[in-house]
Amino acid sequence: MKQISWYIFVFYFFIDSHLVFSQTGNTAYEFVSIPISSHSVALGGNSVALIENDITLMFDNPALISNVSDKTLNFNVMSYMQGSSKLSAAFARQIGKRGNWALGAQMLNYGDMIETSSNFEEMGDFTASDIAIQGGYTYMFTNKLTGGVQGKVLMSNYGDYSSVGLAVDLGINYYNPKQGLSIGLVAQNLGGQIDPLQDETDRIPFNLVLGVSKHFPNAPIRLNIQLSDLTHWNKSFYSVAGEEITSSKRILNHFSFGADFFPSKQTWVALGYNFRRAYEMKIFDSSHWAGFSLGAGLSIKKFKIGIAYAKFHKASSSLVVNASYVL
């Protein structure tokens, strides 16, 4: 019980510290808000309560590392905007009966861009990318309650400009297998920049997420509900592209819903809807299938593969592919 109380104290200390800490400028490192797990993407994103042997869920909630098989190696790719892609990888190990750790890295590569002067004269090409390197640890306090923490080093490189930031994710998960009920809570991206691109320090996209997952024992169906951005009820939304959007702040824009279907023990099919993403795409006159996502996965012995479709940016749709293998 002392371990649980200490973890809860640390969890709320970091949240309270973030709420009273103010930074100037825009939001940096928005790329970490883009889900990596194909299963999470298919369910609408930020699946912080999903109980699966899926290492990619560590990017949503570090407490979910406890469900991952020992020596799992993972690679992922996502098509983003035209000419850009997101690559990521992860590896997990078990420590005793109750502990697990994992390492992960992700990079959003924007490709080559044209550099121009203040007079719009072309001066050549430059490359741009965002990178995050992270490590996480999870511990099972009881058979139903798990806590996890992971640290991140965030880096942006845009031609001759670069920045560095530090962030921490704190997550907890309650899972009752008899009821098929899982509840997850995670504070994502607690931290700030230590070396900004220019003079002003930009904010890091903090997100407090609550998720509930319910599996029905007598039916091959699992329902998932996520509530995101729980500390920003009275503020404007920000798009994935970083553009500020004024909104009536409808409560539904905090929700995403998803459903899993299991044709067999080795396969899953998922469908999701994200209200905030649908609203943002409508603002940009790009509402065709906006907010909807779908995906499927297959497990063959030690090998797992997942694929999902969603729209995260007004410019194009995204395809996410995960591949994991137990060594």
C-alpha atoms as a PDB file:
ATOM      1  CA  MET A   1       0.000   0.000   0.000  1.00  0.00           C
ATOM      2  CA  LYS A   2       2.931   2.378   0.662  1.00  0.00           C
ATOM      3  CA  GLN A   3       4.126   1.860  -2.920  1.00  0.00           C
ATOM      4  CA  ILE A   4       0.648   2.654  -4.289  1.00  0.00           C
ATOM      5  CA  SER A   5       0.271   5.764  -2.115  1.00  0.00           C
ATOM      6  CA  TRP A   6       3.697   7.036  -3.170  1.00  0.00           C
ATOM      7  CA  TYR A   7       2.897   6.528  -6.839  1.00  0.00           C
ATOM      8  CA  ILE A   8      -0.433   8.364  -6.561  1.00  0.00           C
ATOM      9  CA  PHE A   9       1.310  11.231  -4.744  1.00  0.00           C
ATOM     10  CA  VAL A  10       3.907  11.529  -7.533  1.00  0.00           C
ATOM     11  CA  PHE A  11       1.168  11.340 -10.189  1.00  0.00           C
ATOM     12  CA  TYR A  12      -0.817  14.263  -8.760  1.00  0.00           C
ATOM     13  CA  PHE A  13       2.310  16.246  -7.886  1.00  0.00           C
ATOM     14  CA  PHE A  14       3.385  16.291 -11.528  1.00  0.00           C
ATOM     15  CA  ILE A  15      -0.124  17.204 -12.749  1.00  0.00           C
ATOM     16  CA  ASP A  16      -0.412  20.032 -10.237  1.00  0.00           C
ATOM     17  CA  SER A  17       3.074  21.277 -11.148  1.00  0.00           C
ATOM     18  CA  HIS A  18       2.121  21.357 -14.811  1.00  0.00           C
ATOM     19  CA  LEU A  19      -1.092  23.285 -14.192  1.00  0.00           C
ATOM     20  CA  VAL A  20       0.681  26.091 -12.327  1.00  0.00           C
ATOM     21  CA  PHE A  21       3.687  26.191 -14.665  1.00  0.00           C
ATOM     22  CA  SER A  22       3.303  28.713 -17.518  1.00  0.00           C
ATOM     23  CA  GLN A  23       5.328  28.947 -20.728  1.00  0.00           C
ATOM     24  CA  THR A  24       5.215  31.424 -23.573  1.00  0.00           C
ATOM     25  CA  GLY A  25       5.065  30.701 -27.279  1.00  0.00           C
ATOM     26  CA  ASN A  26       3.369  27.998 -29.319  1.00  0.00           C
ATOM     27  CA  THR A  27       3.165  24.256 -28.818  1.00  0.00           C
ATOM     28  CA  ALA A  28       6.269  22.234 -29.742  1.00  0.00           C
ATOM     29  CA  TYR A  29       6.750  18.508 -30.394  1.00  0.00           C
ATOM     30  CA  GLU A  30       3.151  17.970 -31.519  1.00  0.00           C
ATOM     31  CA  PHE A  31       4.332  14.790 -33.274  1.00  0.00           C
ATOM     32  CA  VAL A  32       4.245  12.873 -29.961  1.00  0.00           C
ATOM     33  CA  SER A  33       0.448  13.342 -29.937  1.00  0.00           C
ATOM     34  CA  ILE A  34       0.089  11.179 -33.061  1.00  0.00           C
ATOM     35  CA  PRO A  35      -0.672   7.572 -31.977  1.00  0.00           C
ATOM     36  CA  ILE A  36       1.812   4.856 -32.965  1.00  0.00           C
ATOM     37  CA  SER A  37      -0.209   1.729 -32.156  1.00  0.00           C
ATOM     38  CA  SER A  38      -2.362   0.566 -35.092  1.00  0.00           C
ATOM     39  CA  HIS A  39      -4.834  -0.836 -32.575  1.00  0.00           C
ATOM     40  CA  SER A  40      -5.047   2.497 -30.789  1.00  0.00           C
ATOM     41  CA  VAL A  41      -5.393   4.370 -34.083  1.00  0.00           C
ATOM     42  CA  ALA A  42      -8.209   2.051 -35.187  1.00  0.00           C
ATOM     43  CA  LEU A  43     -10.113   2.746 -31.942  1.00  0.00           C
ATOM     44  CA  GLY A  44      -9.899   6.518 -32.283  1.00  0.00           C
ATOM     45  CA  GLY A  45      -6.511   7.126 -30.624  1.00  0.00           C
ATOM     46  CA  ASN A  46      -5.146   7.324 -27.055  1.00  0.00           C
ATOM     47  CA  SER A  47      -6.240   3.845 -25.982  1.00  0.00           C
ATOM     48  CA  VAL A  48      -4.881   4.128 -22.444  1.00  0.00           C
ATOM     49  CA  ALA A  49      -6.916   1.203 -21.035  1.00  0.00           C
ATOM     50  CA  LEU A  50      -6.475  -1.423 -23.760  1.00  0.00           C
ATOM     51  CA  ILE A  51      -5.342  -4.766 -22.292  1.00  0.00           C
ATOM     52  CA  GLU A  52      -3.331  -6.424 -25.047  1.00  0.00           C
ATOM     53  CA  ASN A  53       0.072  -8.034 -25.551  1.00  0.00           C
ATOM     54  CA  ASP A  54       1.005  -5.028 -27.675  1.00  0.00           C
ATOM     55  CA  ILE A  55       4.224  -3.128 -27.009  1.00  0.00           C
ATOM     56  CA  THR A  56       3.125  -0.136 -29.101  1.00  0.00           C
ATOM     57  CA  LEU A  57       0.592   0.753 -26.393  1.00  0.00           C
ATOM     58  CA  MET A  58       3.532   1.942 -24.247  1.00  0.00           C
ATOM     59  CA  PHE A  59       3.391   5.155 -26.304  1.00  0.00           C
ATOM     60  CA  ASP A  60      -0.167   5.735 -24.985  1.00  0.00           C
ATOM     61  CA  ASN A  61       0.181   4.568 -21.370  1.00  0.00           C
ATOM     62  CA  PRO A  62       3.402   3.251 -19.786  1.00  0.00           C
ATOM     63  CA  ALA A  63       1.358   1.154 -17.332  1.00  0.00           C
ATOM     64  CA  LEU A  64       0.354  -1.095 -20.254  1.00  0.00           C
ATOM     65  CA  ILE A  65       3.947  -2.330 -20.629  1.00  0.00           C
ATOM     66  CA  SER A  66       3.065  -4.948 -17.989  1.00  0.00           C
ATOM     67  CA  ASN A  67       1.031  -6.889 -20.583  1.00  0.00           C
ATOM     68  CA  VAL A  68       3.915  -7.278 -23.051  1.00  0.00           C
ATOM     69  CA  SER A  69       5.805 -10.552 -23.566  1.00  0.00           C
ATOM     70  CA  ASP A  70       9.452 -10.725 -22.547  1.00  0.00           C
ATOM     71  CA  LYS A  71      11.968  -9.821 -25.287  1.00  0.00           C
ATOM     72  CA  THR A  72       9.436  -8.280 -27.658  1.00  0.00           C
ATOM     73  CA  LEU A  73      10.940  -6.362 -30.566  1.00  0.00           C
ATOM     74  CA  ASN A  74       8.777  -3.957 -32.580  1.00  0.00           C
ATOM     75  CA  PHE A  75       8.955  -1.763 -35.714  1.00  0.00           C
ATOM     76  CA  ASN A  76       6.322   0.667 -37.027  1.00  0.00           C
ATOM     77  CA  VAL A  77       5.744   2.955 -39.978  1.00  0.00           C
ATOM     78  CA  MET A  78       3.101   5.589 -40.673  1.00  0.00           C
ATOM     79  CA  SER A  79       2.413   7.622 -43.787  1.00  0.00           C
ATOM     80  CA  TYR A  80       1.664  11.191 -42.748  1.00  0.00           C
ATOM     81  CA  MET A  81       1.540  14.267 -44.948  1.00  0.00           C
ATOM     82  CA  GLN A  82       2.770  14.076 -48.541  1.00  0.00           C
ATOM     83  CA  GLY A  83       6.541  13.577 -48.458  1.00  0.00           C
ATOM     84  CA  SER A  84       6.646  12.837 -44.722  1.00  0.00           C
ATOM     85  CA  SER A  85       6.458   9.669 -42.651  1.00  0.00           C
ATOM     86  CA  LYS A  86       6.702   8.585 -39.041  1.00  0.00           C
ATOM     87  CA  LEU A  87       8.981   5.699 -38.032  1.00  0.00           C
ATOM     88  CA  SER A  88       9.221   4.099 -34.598  1.00  0.00           C
ATOM     89  CA  ALA A  89      10.592   1.077 -32.767  1.00  0.00           C
ATOM     90  CA  ALA A  90      10.408  -0.458 -29.286  1.00  0.00           C
ATOM     91  CA  PHE A  91      11.814  -3.284 -27.167  1.00  0.00           C
ATOM     92  CA  ALA A  92      10.527  -4.730 -23.862  1.00  0.00           C
ATOM     93  CA  ARG A  93      11.888  -6.986 -21.115  1.00  0.00           C
ATOM     94  CA  GLN A  94      10.419  -8.439 -17.942  1.00  0.00           C
ATOM     95  CA  ILE A  95      11.984  -7.870 -14.512  1.00  0.00           C
ATOM     96  CA  GLY A  96      10.917 -10.515 -12.014  1.00  0.00           C
ATOM     97  CA  LYS A  97       7.235 -11.322 -11.619  1.00  0.00           C
ATOM     98  CA  ARG A  98       5.836  -7.786 -11.373  1.00  0.00           C
ATOM     99  CA  GLY A  99       8.177  -5.505 -13.266  1.00  0.00           C
ATOM    100  CA  ASN A 100       8.700  -4.669 -16.948  1.00  0.00           C
ATOM    101  CA  TRP A 101      10.777  -2.093 -18.781  1.00  0.00           C
ATOM    102  CA  ALA A 102      10.748  -0.906 -22.362  1.00  0.00           C
ATOM    103  CA  LEU A 103      12.723   1.357 -24.663  1.00  0.00           C
ATOM    104  CA  GLY A 104      11.221   3.239 -27.594  1.00  0.00           C
ATOM    105  CA  ALA A 105      12.075   5.774 -30.265  1.00  0.00           C
ATOM    106  CA  GLN A 106      10.020   7.668 -32.831  1.00  0.00           C
ATOM    107  CA  MET A 107      10.852  10.050 -35.645  1.00  0.00           C
ATOM    108  CA  LEU A 108       8.653  12.195 -37.871  1.00  0.00           C
ATOM    109  CA  ASN A 109      10.620  12.957 -41.039  1.00  0.00           C
ATOM    110  CA  TYR A 110       9.262  15.856 -43.091  1.00  0.00           C
ATOM    111  CA  GLY A 111      11.617  15.219 -46.012  1.00  0.00           C
ATOM    112  CA  ASP A 112      13.488  17.850 -48.012  1.00  0.00           C
ATOM    113  CA  MET A 113      12.209  21.424 -48.008  1.00  0.00           C
ATOM    114  CA  ILE A 114      13.134  24.524 -49.999  1.00  0.00           C
ATOM    115  CA  GLU A 115      14.961  27.239 -48.058  1.00  0.00           C
ATOM    116  CA  THR A 116      14.149  30.810 -49.071  1.00  0.00           C
ATOM    117  CA  SER A 117      15.396  34.254 -48.055  1.00  0.00           C
ATOM    118  CA  SER A 118      13.252  37.081 -46.698  1.00  0.00           C
ATOM    119  CA  ASN A 119      12.801  38.134 -50.329  1.00  0.00           C
ATOM    120  CA  PHE A 120      11.524  34.652 -51.249  1.00  0.00           C
ATOM    121  CA  GLU A 121      14.691  33.786 -53.159  1.00  0.00           C
ATOM    122  CA  GLU A 122      15.514  30.076 -53.197  1.00  0.00           C
ATOM    123  CA  MET A 123      18.723  29.325 -51.290  1.00  0.00           C
ATOM    124  CA  GLY A 124      18.731  25.519 -51.498  1.00  0.00           C
ATOM    125  CA  ASP A 125      17.207  22.581 -49.646  1.00  0.00           C
ATOM    126  CA  PHE A 126      17.157  21.591 -45.978  1.00  0.00           C
ATOM    127  CA  THR A 127      15.825  18.654 -44.002  1.00  0.00           C
ATOM    128  CA  ALA A 128      13.399  18.735 -41.056  1.00  0.00           C
ATOM    129  CA  SER A 129      12.562  16.099 -38.472  1.00  0.00           C
ATOM    130  CA  ASP A 130      11.248  15.538 -34.940  1.00  0.00           C
ATOM    131  CA  ILE A 131      12.706  12.782 -32.750  1.00  0.00           C
ATOM    132  CA  ALA A 132      11.791  11.279 -29.370  1.00  0.00           C
ATOM    133  CA  ILE A 133      13.779   8.708 -27.403  1.00  0.00           C
ATOM    134  CA  GLN A 134      12.093   7.234 -24.345  1.00  0.00           C
ATOM    135  CA  GLY A 135      12.371   4.574 -21.679  1.00  0.00           C
ATOM    136  CA  GLY A 136       9.616   3.261 -19.421  1.00  0.00           C
ATOM    137  CA  TYR A 137       9.117   1.059 -16.366  1.00  0.00           C
ATOM    138  CA  THR A 138       5.947  -0.542 -15.033  1.00  0.00           C
ATOM    139  CA  TYR A 139       5.193  -2.320 -11.768  1.00  0.00           C
ATOM    140  CA  MET A 140       2.170  -4.376 -10.709  1.00  0.00           C
ATOM    141  CA  PHE A 141       1.180  -3.120  -7.250  1.00  0.00           C
ATOM    142  CA  THR A 142      -1.565  -5.753  -7.029  1.00  0.00           C
ATOM    143  CA  ASN A 143      -3.022  -8.300  -9.431  1.00  0.00           C
ATOM    144  CA  LYS A 144      -5.428  -5.605 -10.638  1.00  0.00           C
ATOM    145  CA  LEU A 145      -3.532  -2.312 -10.292  1.00  0.00           C
ATOM    146  CA  THR A 146      -0.445  -1.330 -12.303  1.00  0.00           C
ATOM    147  CA  GLY A 147       1.579   1.859 -12.468  1.00  0.00           C
ATOM    148  CA  GLY A 148       4.050   3.016 -15.086  1.00  0.00           C
ATOM    149  CA  VAL A 149       6.419   5.889 -15.769  1.00  0.00           C
ATOM    150  CA  GLN A 150       8.511   6.786 -18.784  1.00  0.00           C
ATOM    151  CA  GLY A 151      10.915   9.596 -19.572  1.00  0.00           C
ATOM    152  CA  LYS A 152      11.388  11.213 -22.987  1.00  0.00           C
ATOM    153  CA  VAL A 153      14.068  13.244 -24.676  1.00  0.00           C
ATOM    154  CA  LEU A 154      12.420  15.340 -27.420  1.00  0.00           C
ATOM    155  CA  MET A 155      14.387  16.885 -30.276  1.00  0.00           C
ATOM    156  CA  SER A 156      13.519  19.001 -33.312  1.00  0.00           C
ATOM    157  CA  ASN A 157      15.895  19.693 -36.196  1.00  0.00           C
ATOM    158  CA  TYR A 158      14.806  22.178 -38.866  1.00  0.00           C
ATOM    159  CA  GLY A 159      17.760  23.079 -41.056  1.00  0.00           C
ATOM    160  CA  ASP A 160      20.138  25.205 -38.962  1.00  0.00           C
ATOM    161  CA  TYR A 161      17.701  25.351 -36.034  1.00  0.00           C
ATOM    162  CA  SER A 162      17.311  22.745 -33.299  1.00  0.00           C
ATOM    163  CA  SER A 163      15.632  22.347 -29.925  1.00  0.00           C
ATOM    164  CA  VAL A 164      15.620  19.901 -27.014  1.00  0.00           C
ATOM    165  CA  GLY A 165      12.911  19.138 -24.481  1.00  0.00           C
ATOM    166  CA  LEU A 166      12.355  16.736 -21.598  1.00  0.00           C
ATOM    167  CA  ALA A 167       9.038  15.091 -20.706  1.00  0.00           C
ATOM    168  CA  VAL A 168       7.576  12.383 -18.484  1.00  0.00           C
ATOM    169  CA  ASP A 169       4.485  10.170 -18.850  1.00  0.00           C
ATOM    170  CA  LEU A 170       2.797   8.866 -15.686  1.00  0.00           C
ATOM    171  CA  GLY A 171       0.114   6.205 -16.032  1.00  0.00           C
ATOM    172  CA  ILE A 172      -1.998   3.821 -13.978  1.00  0.00           C
ATOM    173  CA  ASN A 173      -4.264   0.973 -15.014  1.00  0.00           C
ATOM    174  CA  TYR A 174      -6.927  -1.014 -13.169  1.00  0.00           C
ATOM    175  CA  TYR A 175      -7.955  -4.313 -14.718  1.00  0.00           C
ATOM    176  CA  ASN A 176     -10.576  -6.784 -13.468  1.00  0.00           C
ATOM    177  CA  PRO A 177     -10.415  -9.861 -15.732  1.00  0.00           C
ATOM    178  CA  LYS A 178     -13.592 -11.397 -14.299  1.00  0.00           C
ATOM    179  CA  GLN A 179     -15.626  -8.354 -15.302  1.00  0.00           C
ATOM    180  CA  GLY A 180     -13.617  -7.677 -18.451  1.00  0.00           C
ATOM    181  CA  LEU A 181     -13.202  -4.094 -17.212  1.00  0.00           C
ATOM    182  CA  SER A 182     -10.091  -1.963 -17.645  1.00  0.00           C
ATOM    183  CA  ILE A 183      -9.648   1.683 -16.566  1.00  0.00           C
ATOM    184  CA  GLY A 184      -6.567   3.707 -17.462  1.00  0.00           C
ATOM    185  CA  LEU A 185      -5.439   7.194 -16.530  1.00  0.00           C
ATOM    186  CA  VAL A 186      -2.303   8.818 -17.916  1.00  0.00           C
ATOM    187  CA  ALA A 187      -0.654  12.223 -17.784  1.00  0.00           C
ATOM    188  CA  GLN A 188       1.242  12.528 -21.056  1.00  0.00           C
ATOM    189  CA  ASN A 189       4.162  14.884 -21.748  1.00  0.00           C
ATOM    190  CA  LEU A 190       4.783  16.531 -18.398  1.00  0.00           C
ATOM    191  CA  GLY A 191       7.812  18.743 -18.906  1.00  0.00           C
ATOM    192  CA  GLY A 192       9.199  21.553 -21.006  1.00  0.00           C
ATOM    193  CA  GLN A 193      11.887  22.761 -23.376  1.00  0.00           C
ATOM    194  CA  ILE A 194      15.453  23.178 -22.136  1.00  0.00           C
ATOM    195  CA  ASP A 195      16.848  24.469 -25.428  1.00  0.00           C
ATOM    196  CA  PRO A 196      14.264  26.246 -27.632  1.00  0.00           C
ATOM    197  CA  LEU A 197      14.465  26.811 -31.390  1.00  0.00           C
ATOM    198  CA  GLN A 198      14.660  30.581 -30.884  1.00  0.00           C
ATOM    199  CA  ASP A 199      14.389  32.967 -27.929  1.00  0.00           C
ATOM    200  CA  GLU A 200      10.895  31.965 -26.766  1.00  0.00           C
ATOM    201  CA  THR A 201      10.234  28.702 -24.985  1.00  0.00           C
ATOM    202  CA  ASP A 202       7.426  26.648 -26.499  1.00  0.00           C
ATOM    203  CA  ARG A 203       4.983  24.502 -24.582  1.00  0.00           C
ATOM    204  CA  ILE A 204       4.928  20.714 -24.766  1.00  0.00           C
ATOM    205  CA  PRO A 205       1.514  19.161 -25.650  1.00  0.00           C
ATOM    206  CA  PHE A 206       0.428  17.964 -22.197  1.00  0.00           C
ATOM    207  CA  ASN A 207      -2.600  15.673 -22.245  1.00  0.00           C
ATOM    208  CA  LEU A 208      -4.507  14.096 -19.360  1.00  0.00           C
ATOM    209  CA  VAL A 209      -6.387  11.063 -20.696  1.00  0.00           C
ATOM    210  CA  LEU A 210      -8.934   8.747 -19.094  1.00  0.00           C
ATOM    211  CA  GLY A 211      -9.915   5.525 -20.831  1.00  0.00           C
ATOM    212  CA  VAL A 212     -12.376   2.708 -20.131  1.00  0.00           C
ATOM    213  CA  SER A 213     -12.437  -0.646 -21.904  1.00  0.00           C
ATOM    214  CA  LYS A 214     -15.143  -3.283 -21.423  1.00  0.00           C
ATOM    215  CA  HIS A 215     -14.958  -6.803 -22.832  1.00  0.00           C
ATOM    216  CA  PHE A 216     -18.063  -8.978 -22.896  1.00  0.00           C
ATOM    217  CA  PRO A 217     -17.290 -12.621 -21.986  1.00  0.00           C
ATOM    218  CA  ASN A 218     -20.212 -14.083 -23.915  1.00  0.00           C
ATOM    219  CA  ALA A 219     -19.642 -12.038 -27.071  1.00  0.00           C
ATOM    220  CA  PRO A 220     -16.509 -11.364 -29.191  1.00  0.00           C
ATOM    221  CA  ILE A 221     -16.879  -7.608 -28.667  1.00  0.00           C
ATOM    222  CA  ARG A 222     -15.002  -5.011 -26.623  1.00  0.00           C
ATOM    223  CA  LEU A 223     -16.081  -1.393 -26.256  1.00  0.00           C
ATOM    224  CA  ASN A 224     -13.641   1.451 -25.620  1.00  0.00           C
ATOM    225  CA  ILE A 225     -14.181   5.063 -24.517  1.00  0.00           C
ATOM    226  CA  GLN A 226     -11.450   7.694 -24.210  1.00  0.00           C
ATOM    227  CA  LEU A 227     -11.644  11.215 -22.762  1.00  0.00           C
ATOM    228  CA  SER A 228      -8.701  13.422 -23.741  1.00  0.00           C
ATOM    229  CA  ASP A 229      -7.461  16.903 -22.890  1.00  0.00           C
ATOM    230  CA  LEU A 230      -9.171  16.800 -19.501  1.00  0.00           C
ATOM    231  CA  THR A 231      -7.339  19.867 -18.159  1.00  0.00           C
ATOM    232  CA  HIS A 232      -8.389  22.149 -21.046  1.00  0.00           C
ATOM    233  CA  TRP A 233     -12.172  22.357 -20.825  1.00  0.00           C
ATOM    234  CA  ASN A 234     -12.272  26.135 -21.267  1.00  0.00           C
ATOM    235  CA  LYS A 235      -9.473  26.676 -23.784  1.00  0.00           C
ATOM    236  CA  SER A 236      -9.230  26.591 -27.557  1.00  0.00           C
ATOM    237  CA  PHE A 237      -8.313  23.399 -29.380  1.00  0.00           C
ATOM    238  CA  TYR A 238      -5.074  23.006 -31.235  1.00  0.00           C
ATOM    239  CA  SER A 239      -4.885  20.954 -34.409  1.00  0.00           C
ATOM    240  CA  VAL A 240      -2.224  18.339 -35.013  1.00  0.00           C
ATOM    241  CA  ALA A 241      -0.613  20.831 -37.385  1.00  0.00           C
ATOM    242  CA  GLY A 242      -0.276  23.312 -34.513  1.00  0.00           C
ATOM    243  CA  GLU A 243      -2.832  25.833 -35.814  1.00  0.00           C
ATOM    244  CA  GLU A 244      -5.094  27.390 -33.194  1.00  0.00           C
ATOM    245  CA  ILE A 245      -8.800  26.749 -33.667  1.00  0.00           C
ATOM    246  CA  THR A 246     -11.514  28.659 -31.848  1.00  0.00           C
ATOM    247  CA  SER A 247     -14.419  26.445 -30.896  1.00  0.00           C
ATOM    248  CA  SER A 248     -17.564  26.297 -28.820  1.00  0.00           C
ATOM    249  CA  LYS A 249     -15.724  23.673 -26.811  1.00  0.00           C
ATOM    250  CA  ARG A 250     -18.397  21.041 -27.087  1.00  0.00           C
ATOM    251  CA  ILE A 251     -18.009  18.308 -24.487  1.00  0.00           C
ATOM    252  CA  LEU A 252     -18.140  15.654 -27.203  1.00  0.00           C
ATOM    253  CA  ASN A 253     -14.867  16.953 -28.621  1.00  0.00           C
ATOM    254  CA  HIS A 254     -13.103  15.345 -25.649  1.00  0.00           C
ATOM    255  CA  PHE A 255     -14.460  11.889 -26.547  1.00  0.00           C
ATOM    256  CA  SER A 256     -13.447   9.100 -28.861  1.00  0.00           C
ATOM    257  CA  PHE A 257     -15.260   5.785 -29.134  1.00  0.00           C
ATOM    258  CA  GLY A 258     -14.157   2.445 -30.497  1.00  0.00           C
ATOM    259  CA  ALA A 259     -15.255  -1.166 -30.771  1.00  0.00           C
ATOM    260  CA  ASP A 260     -13.220  -4.350 -31.168  1.00  0.00           C
ATOM    261  CA  PHE A 261     -14.477  -7.475 -32.884  1.00  0.00           C
ATOM    262  CA  PHE A 262     -12.638 -10.793 -32.510  1.00  0.00           C
ATOM    263  CA  PRO A 263     -13.356 -13.241 -35.362  1.00  0.00           C
ATOM    264  CA  SER A 264     -10.847 -15.628 -33.725  1.00  0.00           C
ATOM    265  CA  LYS A 265      -8.272 -15.686 -30.925  1.00  0.00           C
ATOM    266  CA  GLN A 266      -5.593 -14.703 -33.432  1.00  0.00           C
ATOM    267  CA  THR A 267      -7.391 -11.803 -35.129  1.00  0.00           C
ATOM    268  CA  TRP A 268      -9.050  -8.485 -34.304  1.00  0.00           C
ATOM    269  CA  VAL A 269     -10.980  -5.906 -36.278  1.00  0.00           C
ATOM    270  CA  ALA A 270     -11.626  -2.430 -34.877  1.00  0.00           C
ATOM    271  CA  LEU A 271     -13.610   0.684 -35.737  1.00  0.00           C
ATOM    272  CA  GLY A 272     -13.414   4.069 -34.035  1.00  0.00           C
ATOM    273  CA  TYR A 273     -14.631   7.655 -34.126  1.00  0.00           C
ATOM    274  CA  ASN A 274     -12.836  10.719 -32.757  1.00  0.00           C
ATOM    275  CA  PHE A 275     -15.130  13.738 -32.299  1.00  0.00           C
ATOM    276  CA  ARG A 276     -12.336  16.290 -31.978  1.00  0.00           C
ATOM    277  CA  ARG A 277     -10.572  15.117 -35.125  1.00  0.00           C
ATOM    278  CA  ALA A 278     -13.834  15.208 -37.074  1.00  0.00           C
ATOM    279  CA  TYR A 279     -14.518  18.768 -35.894  1.00  0.00           C
ATOM    280  CA  GLU A 280     -11.034  19.976 -36.839  1.00  0.00           C
ATOM    281  CA  MET A 281     -11.215  18.462 -40.305  1.00  0.00           C
ATOM    282  CA  LYS A 282     -14.561  20.180 -40.888  1.00  0.00           C
ATOM    283  CA  ILE A 283     -12.961  23.486 -39.921  1.00  0.00           C
ATOM    284  CA  PHE A 284     -10.434  22.864 -42.706  1.00  0.00           C
ATOM    285  CA  ASP A 285     -13.139  21.812 -45.213  1.00  0.00           C
ATOM    286  CA  SER A 286     -11.724  18.289 -45.206  1.00  0.00           C
ATOM    287  CA  SER A 287     -14.488  16.290 -43.534  1.00  0.00           C
ATOM    288  CA  HIS A 288     -14.558  13.276 -45.867  1.00  0.00           C
ATOM    289  CA  TRP A 289     -14.428  10.320 -43.433  1.00  0.00           C
ATOM    290  CA  ALA A 290     -12.787  12.629 -40.895  1.00  0.00           C
ATOM    291  CA  GLY A 291     -12.989  11.275 -37.367  1.00  0.00           C
ATOM    292  CA  PHE A 292     -13.502   7.685 -38.497  1.00  0.00           C
ATOM    293  CA  SER A 293     -10.757   5.086 -38.204  1.00  0.00           C
ATOM    294  CA  LEU A 294     -10.506   1.351 -38.765  1.00  0.00           C
ATOM    295  CA  GLY A 295      -7.949  -1.410 -38.557  1.00  0.00           C
ATOM    296  CA  ALA A 296      -7.205  -5.102 -38.159  1.00  0.00           C
ATOM    297  CA  GLY A 297      -4.544  -7.329 -36.646  1.00  0.00           C
ATOM    298  CA  LEU A 298      -3.202 -10.871 -36.833  1.00  0.00           C
ATOM    299  CA  SER A 299      -1.107 -12.969 -34.428  1.00  0.00           C
ATOM    300  CA  ILE A 300       0.809 -16.019 -35.627  1.00  0.00           C
ATOM    301  CA  LYS A 301       2.765 -17.635 -32.790  1.00  0.00           C
ATOM    302  CA  LYS A 302       5.520 -15.126 -31.925  1.00  0.00           C
ATOM    303  CA  PHE A 303       4.713 -12.689 -34.727  1.00  0.00           C
ATOM    304  CA  LYS A 304       2.103  -9.919 -34.623  1.00  0.00           C
ATOM    305  CA  ILE A 305       1.071  -7.462 -37.295  1.00  0.00           C
ATOM    306  CA  GLY A 306      -1.482  -4.654 -37.226  1.00  0.00           C
ATOM    307  CA  ILE A 307      -2.672  -2.124 -39.775  1.00  0.00           C
ATOM    308  CA  ALA A 308      -4.962   0.901 -39.407  1.00  0.00           C
ATOM    309  CA  TYR A 309      -6.354   3.829 -41.385  1.00  0.00           C
ATOM    310  CA  ALA A 310      -7.160   7.318 -40.066  1.00  0.00           C
ATOM    311  CA  LYS A 311      -6.908  10.990 -40.986  1.00  0.00           C
ATOM    312  CA  PHE A 312      -4.672  13.133 -38.747  1.00  0.00           C
ATOM    313  CA  HIS A 313      -3.986  16.009 -41.122  1.00  0.00           C
ATOM    314  CA  LYS A 314      -6.018  17.974 -43.637  1.00  0.00           C
ATOM    315  CA  ALA A 315      -3.473  17.245 -46.393  1.00  0.00           C
ATOM    316  CA  SER A 316      -3.854  13.462 -46.562  1.00  0.00           C
ATOM    317  CA  SER A 317      -4.933  10.272 -44.839  1.00  0.00           C
ATOM    318  CA  SER A 318      -2.567   8.047 -42.860  1.00  0.00           C
ATOM    319  CA  LEU A 319      -1.837   4.337 -42.947  1.00  0.00           C
ATOM    320  CA  VAL A 320      -0.224   2.786 -39.859  1.00  0.00           C
ATOM    321  CA  VAL A 321       1.574  -0.574 -39.851  1.00  0.00           C
ATOM    322  CA  ASN A 322       2.958  -2.356 -36.725  1.00  0.00           C
ATOM    323  CA  ALA A 323       5.112  -5.492 -36.705  1.00  0.00           C
ATOM    324  CA  SER A 324       6.271  -7.215 -33.488  1.00  0.00           C
ATOM    325  CA  TYR A 325       8.237 -10.397 -32.788  1.00  0.00           C
ATOM    326  CA  VAL A 326       9.078 -12.192 -29.541  1.00  0.00           C
ATOM    327  CA  LEU A 327      12.765 -13.146 -29.586  1.00  0.00           C
END
